[in-house]
Amino acid sequence: MEQELLKLAVQYGGGTAILIALYFVLKQITTIAKNGDLNKKIQEIEENHLTEINDRLTKLEEDVANIRERVAKLEVKVFNSKKRK
């Protein structure tokens, strides 16, 4: 059946090729979902990747707070130097 679909894709091209590609993608998704691999992959992403992203965001927030503090100090120095003149 897959060979027949590929022949149709070559013969008609365009939209038919897109529909056939969509068929193959959906077929793979259903296979993964049936095997339970999808749930394992989602759980792995939640446990590992989301934790890593959260850690990076926390570090980024700390860096931004540090930069804000440094900019505030610079603003005070510039303001004070302008007052003296």
PDB file of N, CA and C in Angstrom:
ATOM      1  N   MET A   1       0.820  -1.190   0.000  1.00  0.00           N
ATOM      2  CA  MET A   1       0.000   0.000   0.000  1.00  0.00           C
ATOM      3  C   MET A   1       0.865   1.257   0.000  1.00  0.00           C
ATOM      4  N   GLU A   2       1.955   1.213   0.761  1.00  0.00           N
ATOM      5  CA  GLU A   2       2.821   2.381   0.837  1.00  0.00           C
ATOM      6  C   GLU A   2       3.461   2.680  -0.513  1.00  0.00           C
ATOM      7  N   GLN A   3       3.807   1.632  -1.251  1.00  0.00           N
ATOM      8  CA  GLN A   3       4.398   1.837  -2.571  1.00  0.00           C
ATOM      9  C   GLN A   3       3.394   2.474  -3.519  1.00  0.00           C
ATOM     10  N   GLU A   4       2.128   2.062  -3.420  1.00  0.00           N
ATOM     11  CA  GLU A   4       1.083   2.649  -4.258  1.00  0.00           C
ATOM     12  C   GLU A   4       0.910   4.130  -3.946  1.00  0.00           C
ATOM     13  N   LEU A   5       0.972   4.473  -2.662  1.00  0.00           N
ATOM     14  CA  LEU A   5       0.855   5.871  -2.274  1.00  0.00           C
ATOM     15  C   LEU A   5       2.027   6.691  -2.809  1.00  0.00           C
ATOM     16  N   LEU A   6       3.223   6.105  -2.747  1.00  0.00           N
ATOM     17  CA  LEU A   6       4.387   6.815  -3.279  1.00  0.00           C
ATOM     18  C   LEU A   6       4.273   7.012  -4.793  1.00  0.00           C
ATOM     19  N   LYS A   7       3.763   6.001  -5.495  1.00  0.00           N
ATOM     20  CA  LYS A   7       3.557   6.142  -6.950  1.00  0.00           C
ATOM     21  C   LYS A   7       2.563   7.253  -7.255  1.00  0.00           C
ATOM     22  N   LEU A   8       1.483   7.340  -6.468  1.00  0.00           N
ATOM     23  CA  LEU A   8       0.504   8.414  -6.655  1.00  0.00           C
ATOM     24  C   LEU A   8       1.128   9.776  -6.397  1.00  0.00           C
ATOM     25  N   ALA A   9       1.978   9.845  -5.395  1.00  0.00           N
ATOM     26  CA  ALA A   9       2.636  11.114  -5.067  1.00  0.00           C
ATOM     27  C   ALA A   9       3.497  11.574  -6.230  1.00  0.00           C
ATOM     28  N   VAL A  10       4.230  10.636  -6.811  1.00  0.00           N
ATOM     29  CA  VAL A  10       5.091  10.982  -7.941  1.00  0.00           C
ATOM     30  C   VAL A  10       4.242  11.352  -9.152  1.00  0.00           C
ATOM     31  N   GLN A  11       3.174  10.641  -9.352  1.00  0.00           N
ATOM     32  CA  GLN A  11       2.330  10.857 -10.527  1.00  0.00           C
ATOM     33  C   GLN A  11       1.600  12.191 -10.460  1.00  0.00           C
ATOM     34  N   TYR A  12       1.010  12.520  -9.311  1.00  0.00           N
ATOM     35  CA  TYR A  12       0.196  13.725  -9.215  1.00  0.00           C
ATOM     36  C   TYR A  12       0.934  14.899  -8.578  1.00  0.00           C
ATOM     37  N   GLY A  13       1.901  14.624  -7.717  1.00  0.00           N
ATOM     38  CA  GLY A  13       2.694  15.679  -7.090  1.00  0.00           C
ATOM     39  C   GLY A  13       1.847  16.611  -6.240  1.00  0.00           C
ATOM     40  N   GLY A  14       2.397  17.785  -5.924  1.00  0.00           N
ATOM     41  CA  GLY A  14       1.687  18.840  -5.214  1.00  0.00           C
ATOM     42  C   GLY A  14       1.009  18.405  -3.929  1.00  0.00           C
ATOM     43  N   GLY A  15      -0.292  18.648  -3.875  1.00  0.00           N
ATOM     44  CA  GLY A  15      -1.086  18.380  -2.680  1.00  0.00           C
ATOM     45  C   GLY A  15      -1.123  16.913  -2.308  1.00  0.00           C
ATOM     46  N   THR A  16      -1.062  16.054  -3.299  1.00  0.00           N
ATOM     47  CA  THR A  16      -1.090  14.621  -3.018  1.00  0.00           C
ATOM     48  C   THR A  16       0.140  14.217  -2.212  1.00  0.00           C
ATOM     49  N   ALA A  17       1.282  14.779  -2.567  1.00  0.00           N
ATOM     50  CA  ALA A  17       2.513  14.457  -1.848  1.00  0.00           C
ATOM     51  C   ALA A  17       2.415  14.892  -0.387  1.00  0.00           C
ATOM     52  N   ILE A  18       1.801  16.027  -0.147  1.00  0.00           N
ATOM     53  CA  ILE A  18       1.623  16.516   1.218  1.00  0.00           C
ATOM     54  C   ILE A  18       0.709  15.586   1.998  1.00  0.00           C
ATOM     55  N   LEU A  19      -0.365  15.158   1.384  1.00  0.00           N
ATOM     56  CA  LEU A  19      -1.287  14.244   2.061  1.00  0.00           C
ATOM     57  C   LEU A  19      -0.617  12.915   2.387  1.00  0.00           C
ATOM     58  N   ILE A  20       0.197  12.436   1.480  1.00  0.00           N
ATOM     59  CA  ILE A  20       0.882  11.163   1.717  1.00  0.00           C
ATOM     60  C   ILE A  20       1.919  11.322   2.832  1.00  0.00           C
ATOM     61  N   ALA A  21       2.634  12.440   2.832  1.00  0.00           N
ATOM     62  CA  ALA A  21       3.596  12.693   3.906  1.00  0.00           C
ATOM     63  C   ALA A  21       2.880  12.755   5.249  1.00  0.00           C
ATOM     64  N   LEU A  22       1.727  13.397   5.270  1.00  0.00           N
ATOM     65  CA  LEU A  22       0.925  13.487   6.488  1.00  0.00           C
ATOM     66  C   LEU A  22       0.497  12.093   6.947  1.00  0.00           C
ATOM     67  N   TYR A  23       0.142  11.228   6.003  1.00  0.00           N
ATOM     68  CA  TYR A  23      -0.229   9.848   6.321  1.00  0.00           C
ATOM     69  C   TYR A  23       0.906   9.140   7.051  1.00  0.00           C
ATOM     70  N   PHE A  24       2.131   9.263   6.518  1.00  0.00           N
ATOM     71  CA  PHE A  24       3.262   8.586   7.128  1.00  0.00           C
ATOM     72  C   PHE A  24       3.567   9.141   8.522  1.00  0.00           C
ATOM     73  N   VAL A  25       3.454  10.443   8.700  1.00  0.00           N
ATOM     74  CA  VAL A  25       3.695  11.054  10.002  1.00  0.00           C
ATOM     75  C   VAL A  25       2.666  10.561  11.017  1.00  0.00           C
ATOM     76  N   LEU A  26       1.412  10.573  10.632  1.00  0.00           N
ATOM     77  CA  LEU A  26       0.360  10.102  11.539  1.00  0.00           C
ATOM     78  C   LEU A  26       0.524   8.626  11.868  1.00  0.00           C
ATOM     79  N   LYS A  27       0.956   7.858  10.897  1.00  0.00           N
ATOM     80  CA  LYS A  27       1.182   6.431  11.117  1.00  0.00           C
ATOM     81  C   LYS A  27       2.265   6.228  12.174  1.00  0.00           C
ATOM     82  N   GLN A  28       3.347   6.997  12.097  1.00  0.00           N
ATOM     83  CA  GLN A  28       4.422   6.885  13.077  1.00  0.00           C
ATOM     84  C   GLN A  28       3.955   7.332  14.459  1.00  0.00           C
ATOM     85  N   ILE A  29       3.172   8.398  14.516  1.00  0.00           N
ATOM     86  CA  ILE A  29       2.674   8.895  15.803  1.00  0.00           C
ATOM     87  C   ILE A  29       1.795   7.850  16.482  1.00  0.00           C
ATOM     88  N   THR A  30       0.913   7.227  15.718  1.00  0.00           N
ATOM     89  CA  THR A  30       0.051   6.202  16.323  1.00  0.00           C
ATOM     90  C   THR A  30       0.865   5.000  16.792  1.00  0.00           C
ATOM     91  N   THR A  31       1.910   4.645  16.052  1.00  0.00           N
ATOM     92  CA  THR A  31       2.774   3.531  16.463  1.00  0.00           C
ATOM     93  C   THR A  31       3.463   3.857  17.781  1.00  0.00           C
ATOM     94  N   ILE A  32       3.985   5.065  17.892  1.00  0.00           N
ATOM     95  CA  ILE A  32       4.661   5.483  19.125  1.00  0.00           C
ATOM     96  C   ILE A  32       3.675   5.517  20.282  1.00  0.00           C
ATOM     97  N   ALA A  33       2.495   6.063  20.047  1.00  0.00           N
ATOM     98  CA  ALA A  33       1.494   6.169  21.103  1.00  0.00           C
ATOM     99  C   ALA A  33       1.051   4.790  21.587  1.00  0.00           C
ATOM    100  N   LYS A  34       0.941   3.839  20.684  1.00  0.00           N
ATOM    101  CA  LYS A  34       0.522   2.488  21.067  1.00  0.00           C
ATOM    102  C   LYS A  34       1.587   1.798  21.912  1.00  0.00           C
ATOM    103  N   ASN A  35       2.828   2.061  21.616  1.00  0.00           N
ATOM    104  CA  ASN A  35       3.925   1.409  22.346  1.00  0.00           C
ATOM    105  C   ASN A  35       4.149   2.011  23.723  1.00  0.00           C
ATOM    106  N   GLY A  36       3.584   3.153  23.986  1.00  0.00           N
ATOM    107  CA  GLY A  36       3.778   3.803  25.271  1.00  0.00           C
ATOM    108  C   GLY A  36       5.061   4.608  25.331  1.00  0.00           C
ATOM    109  N   ASP A  37       5.823   4.645  24.246  1.00  0.00           N
ATOM    110  CA  ASP A  37       7.064   5.408  24.215  1.00  0.00           C
ATOM    111  C   ASP A  37       6.795   6.899  24.345  1.00  0.00           C
ATOM    112  N   LEU A  38       5.662   7.327  23.875  1.00  0.00           N
ATOM    113  CA  LEU A  38       5.317   8.750  23.912  1.00  0.00           C
ATOM    114  C   LEU A  38       5.200   9.225  25.354  1.00  0.00           C
ATOM    115  N   ASN A  39       4.533   8.448  26.193  1.00  0.00           N
ATOM    116  CA  ASN A  39       4.400   8.820  27.604  1.00  0.00           C
ATOM    117  C   ASN A  39       5.758   8.859  28.295  1.00  0.00           C
ATOM    118  N   LYS A  40       6.621   7.902  27.971  1.00  0.00           N
ATOM    119  CA  LYS A  40       7.951   7.875  28.563  1.00  0.00           C
ATOM    120  C   LYS A  40       8.747   9.107  28.138  1.00  0.00           C
ATOM    121  N   LYS A  41       8.640   9.460  26.874  1.00  0.00           N
ATOM    122  CA  LYS A  41       9.372  10.609  26.353  1.00  0.00           C
ATOM    123  C   LYS A  41       8.874  11.898  26.998  1.00  0.00           C
ATOM    124  N   ILE A  42       7.568  12.032  27.142  1.00  0.00           N
ATOM    125  CA  ILE A  42       7.000  13.226  27.783  1.00  0.00           C
ATOM    126  C   ILE A  42       7.459  13.321  29.228  1.00  0.00           C
ATOM    127  N   GLN A  43       7.456  12.207  29.930  1.00  0.00           N
ATOM    128  CA  GLN A  43       7.902  12.191  31.319  1.00  0.00           C
ATOM    129  C   GLN A  43       9.383  12.550  31.419  1.00  0.00           C
ATOM    130  N   GLU A  44      10.189  12.041  30.491  1.00  0.00           N
ATOM    131  CA  GLU A  44      11.613  12.362  30.473  1.00  0.00           C
ATOM    132  C   GLU A  44      11.836  13.858  30.255  1.00  0.00           C
ATOM    133  N   ILE A  45      11.072  14.431  29.346  1.00  0.00           N
ATOM    134  CA  ILE A  45      11.183  15.869  29.084  1.00  0.00           C
ATOM    135  C   ILE A  45      10.780  16.659  30.311  1.00  0.00           C
ATOM    136  N   GLU A  46       9.690  16.261  30.960  1.00  0.00           N
ATOM    137  CA  GLU A  46       9.240  16.968  32.157  1.00  0.00           C
ATOM    138  C   GLU A  46      10.277  16.896  33.266  1.00  0.00           C
ATOM    139  N   GLU A  47      10.863  15.726  33.460  1.00  0.00           N
ATOM    140  CA  GLU A  47      11.795  15.539  34.569  1.00  0.00           C
ATOM    141  C   GLU A  47      13.154  16.185  34.312  1.00  0.00           C
ATOM    142  N   ASN A  48      13.687  16.009  33.129  1.00  0.00           N
ATOM    143  CA  ASN A  48      15.047  16.456  32.859  1.00  0.00           C
ATOM    144  C   ASN A  48      15.107  17.844  32.242  1.00  0.00           C
ATOM    145  N   HIS A  49      14.472  17.994  31.121  1.00  0.00           N
ATOM    146  CA  HIS A  49      14.614  19.223  30.356  1.00  0.00           C
ATOM    147  C   HIS A  49      13.945  20.413  31.033  1.00  0.00           C
ATOM    148  N   LEU A  50      12.777  20.219  31.587  1.00  0.00           N
ATOM    149  CA  LEU A  50      12.098  21.334  32.243  1.00  0.00           C
ATOM    150  C   LEU A  50      12.836  21.773  33.496  1.00  0.00           C
ATOM    151  N   THR A  51      13.434  20.830  34.201  1.00  0.00           N
ATOM    152  CA  THR A  51      14.230  21.172  35.380  1.00  0.00           C
ATOM    153  C   THR A  51      15.448  21.989  34.957  1.00  0.00           C
ATOM    154  N   GLU A  52      16.092  21.566  33.885  1.00  0.00           N
ATOM    155  CA  GLU A  52      17.259  22.299  33.381  1.00  0.00           C
ATOM    156  C   GLU A  52      16.879  23.704  32.934  1.00  0.00           C
ATOM    157  N   ILE A  53      15.765  23.822  32.244  1.00  0.00           N
ATOM    158  CA  ILE A  53      15.301  25.138  31.801  1.00  0.00           C
ATOM    159  C   ILE A  53      14.991  26.022  33.004  1.00  0.00           C
ATOM    160  N   ASN A  54      14.350  25.468  34.015  1.00  0.00           N
ATOM    161  CA  ASN A  54      14.033  26.232  35.218  1.00  0.00           C
ATOM    162  C   ASN A  54      15.311  26.719  35.910  1.00  0.00           C
ATOM    163  N   ASP A  55      16.318  25.855  35.979  1.00  0.00           N
ATOM    164  CA  ASP A  55      17.598  26.244  36.585  1.00  0.00           C
ATOM    165  C   ASP A  55      18.252  27.376  35.801  1.00  0.00           C
ATOM    166  N   ARG A  56      18.206  27.289  34.487  1.00  0.00           N
ATOM    167  CA  ARG A  56      18.796  28.337  33.652  1.00  0.00           C
ATOM    168  C   ARG A  56      18.050  29.657  33.811  1.00  0.00           C
ATOM    169  N   LEU A  57      16.730  29.582  33.917  1.00  0.00           N
ATOM    170  CA  LEU A  57      15.943  30.804  34.116  1.00  0.00           C
ATOM    171  C   LEU A  57      16.264  31.449  35.459  1.00  0.00           C
ATOM    172  N   THR A  58      16.435  30.641  36.477  1.00  0.00           N
ATOM    173  CA  THR A  58      16.794  31.165  37.790  1.00  0.00           C
ATOM    174  C   THR A  58      18.139  31.874  37.725  1.00  0.00           C
ATOM    175  N   LYS A  59      19.105  31.263  37.062  1.00  0.00           N
ATOM    176  CA  LYS A  59      20.430  31.873  36.904  1.00  0.00           C
ATOM    177  C   LYS A  59      20.325  33.175  36.111  1.00  0.00           C
ATOM    178  N   LEU A  60      19.520  33.166  35.072  1.00  0.00           N
ATOM    179  CA  LEU A  60      19.329  34.364  34.258  1.00  0.00           C
ATOM    180  C   LEU A  60      18.694  35.489  35.069  1.00  0.00           C
ATOM    181  N   GLU A  61      17.725  35.164  35.907  1.00  0.00           N
ATOM    182  CA  GLU A  61      17.095  36.169  36.771  1.00  0.00           C
ATOM    183  C   GLU A  61      18.115  36.777  37.727  1.00  0.00           C
ATOM    184  N   GLU A  62      19.000  35.938  38.254  1.00  0.00           N
ATOM    185  CA  GLU A  62      20.052  36.441  39.149  1.00  0.00           C
ATOM    186  C   GLU A  62      20.996  37.376  38.398  1.00  0.00           C
ATOM    187  N   ASP A  63      21.351  36.993  37.171  1.00  0.00           N
ATOM    188  CA  ASP A  63      22.231  37.838  36.365  1.00  0.00           C
ATOM    189  C   ASP A  63      21.589  39.186  36.053  1.00  0.00           C
ATOM    190  N   VAL A  64      20.314  39.174  35.717  1.00  0.00           N
ATOM    191  CA  VAL A  64      19.602  40.416  35.404  1.00  0.00           C
ATOM    192  C   VAL A  64      19.528  41.312  36.648  1.00  0.00           C
ATOM    193  N   ALA A  65      19.276  40.722  37.803  1.00  0.00           N
ATOM    194  CA  ALA A  65      19.236  41.507  39.038  1.00  0.00           C
ATOM    195  C   ALA A  65      20.597  42.135  39.308  1.00  0.00           C
ATOM    196  N   ASN A  66      21.669  41.395  39.056  1.00  0.00           N
ATOM    197  CA  ASN A  66      23.020  41.907  39.240  1.00  0.00           C
ATOM    198  C   ASN A  66      23.295  43.075  38.279  1.00  0.00           C
ATOM    199  N   ILE A  67      22.880  42.913  37.049  1.00  0.00           N
ATOM    200  CA  ILE A  67      23.071  43.981  36.053  1.00  0.00           C
ATOM    201  C   ILE A  67      22.277  45.226  36.445  1.00  0.00           C
ATOM    202  N   ARG A  68      21.059  45.047  36.905  1.00  0.00           N
ATOM    203  CA  ARG A  68      20.252  46.203  37.343  1.00  0.00           C
ATOM    204  C   ARG A  68      20.934  46.953  38.479  1.00  0.00           C
ATOM    205  N   GLU A  69      21.488  46.208  39.410  1.00  0.00           N
ATOM    206  CA  GLU A  69      22.175  46.829  40.546  1.00  0.00           C
ATOM    207  C   GLU A  69      23.389  47.622  40.067  1.00  0.00           C
ATOM    208  N   ARG A  70      24.151  47.051  39.170  1.00  0.00           N
ATOM    209  CA  ARG A  70      25.332  47.734  38.647  1.00  0.00           C
ATOM    210  C   ARG A  70      24.958  48.987  37.859  1.00  0.00           C
ATOM    211  N   VAL A  71      23.896  48.903  37.062  1.00  0.00           N
ATOM    212  CA  VAL A  71      23.442  50.071  36.299  1.00  0.00           C
ATOM    213  C   VAL A  71      22.967  51.166  37.255  1.00  0.00           C
ATOM    214  N   ALA A  72      22.270  50.792  38.309  1.00  0.00           N
ATOM    215  CA  ALA A  72      21.801  51.780  39.283  1.00  0.00           C
ATOM    216  C   ALA A  72      22.987  52.502  39.918  1.00  0.00           C
ATOM    217  N   LYS A  73      24.050  51.766  40.258  1.00  0.00           N
ATOM    218  CA  LYS A  73      25.239  52.379  40.833  1.00  0.00           C
ATOM    219  C   LYS A  73      25.883  53.350  39.839  1.00  0.00           C
ATOM    220  N   LEU A  74      25.938  52.950  38.576  1.00  0.00           N
ATOM    221  CA  LEU A  74      26.503  53.828  37.547  1.00  0.00           C
ATOM    222  C   LEU A  74      25.673  55.099  37.380  1.00  0.00           C
ATOM    223  N   GLU A  75      24.356  54.949  37.434  1.00  0.00           N
ATOM    224  CA  GLU A  75      23.480  56.116  37.314  1.00  0.00           C
ATOM    225  C   GLU A  75      23.727  57.100  38.456  1.00  0.00           C
ATOM    226  N   VAL A  76      23.918  56.571  39.663  1.00  0.00           N
ATOM    227  CA  VAL A  76      24.191  57.437  40.817  1.00  0.00           C
ATOM    228  C   VAL A  76      25.514  58.174  40.608  1.00  0.00           C
ATOM    229  N   LYS A  77      26.534  57.485  40.138  1.00  0.00           N
ATOM    230  CA  LYS A  77      27.828  58.121  39.905  1.00  0.00           C
ATOM    231  C   LYS A  77      27.718  59.215  38.837  1.00  0.00           C
ATOM    232  N   VAL A  78      27.014  58.928  37.764  1.00  0.00           N
ATOM    233  CA  VAL A  78      26.855  59.921  36.694  1.00  0.00           C
ATOM    234  C   VAL A  78      26.060  61.110  37.203  1.00  0.00           C
ATOM    235  N   PHE A  79      25.003  60.875  37.935  1.00  0.00           N
ATOM    236  CA  PHE A  79      24.181  61.968  38.471  1.00  0.00           C
ATOM    237  C   PHE A  79      24.987  62.829  39.419  1.00  0.00           C
ATOM    238  N   ASN A  80      25.768  62.195  40.293  1.00  0.00           N
ATOM    239  CA  ASN A  80      26.585  62.950  41.249  1.00  0.00           C
ATOM    240  C   ASN A  80      27.677  63.751  40.551  1.00  0.00           C
ATOM    241  N   SER A  81      28.255  63.208  39.493  1.00  0.00           N
ATOM    242  CA  SER A  81      29.296  63.945  38.766  1.00  0.00           C
ATOM    243  C   SER A  81      28.706  65.139  38.025  1.00  0.00           C
ATOM    244  N   LYS A  82      27.470  65.050  37.579  1.00  0.00           N
ATOM    245  CA  LYS A  82      26.814  66.171  36.909  1.00  0.00           C
ATOM    246  C   LYS A  82      26.479  67.273  37.916  1.00  0.00           C
ATOM    247  N   LYS A  83      26.115  66.889  39.133  1.00  0.00           N
ATOM    248  CA  LYS A  83      25.764  67.860  40.176  1.00  0.00           C
ATOM    249  C   LYS A  83      26.991  68.698  40.560  1.00  0.00           C
ATOM    250  N   ARG A  84      28.147  68.085  40.578  1.00  0.00           N
ATOM    251  CA  ARG A  84      29.363  68.772  40.986  1.00  0.00           C
ATOM    252  C   ARG A  84      29.774  69.838  39.984  1.00  0.00           C
ATOM    253  N   LYS A  85      29.448  69.660  38.757  1.00  0.00           N
ATOM    254  CA  LYS A  85      29.849  70.613  37.708  1.00  0.00           C
ATOM    255  C   LYS A  85      28.960  71.787  37.705  1.00  0.00           C
TER     256      LYS A  85
END
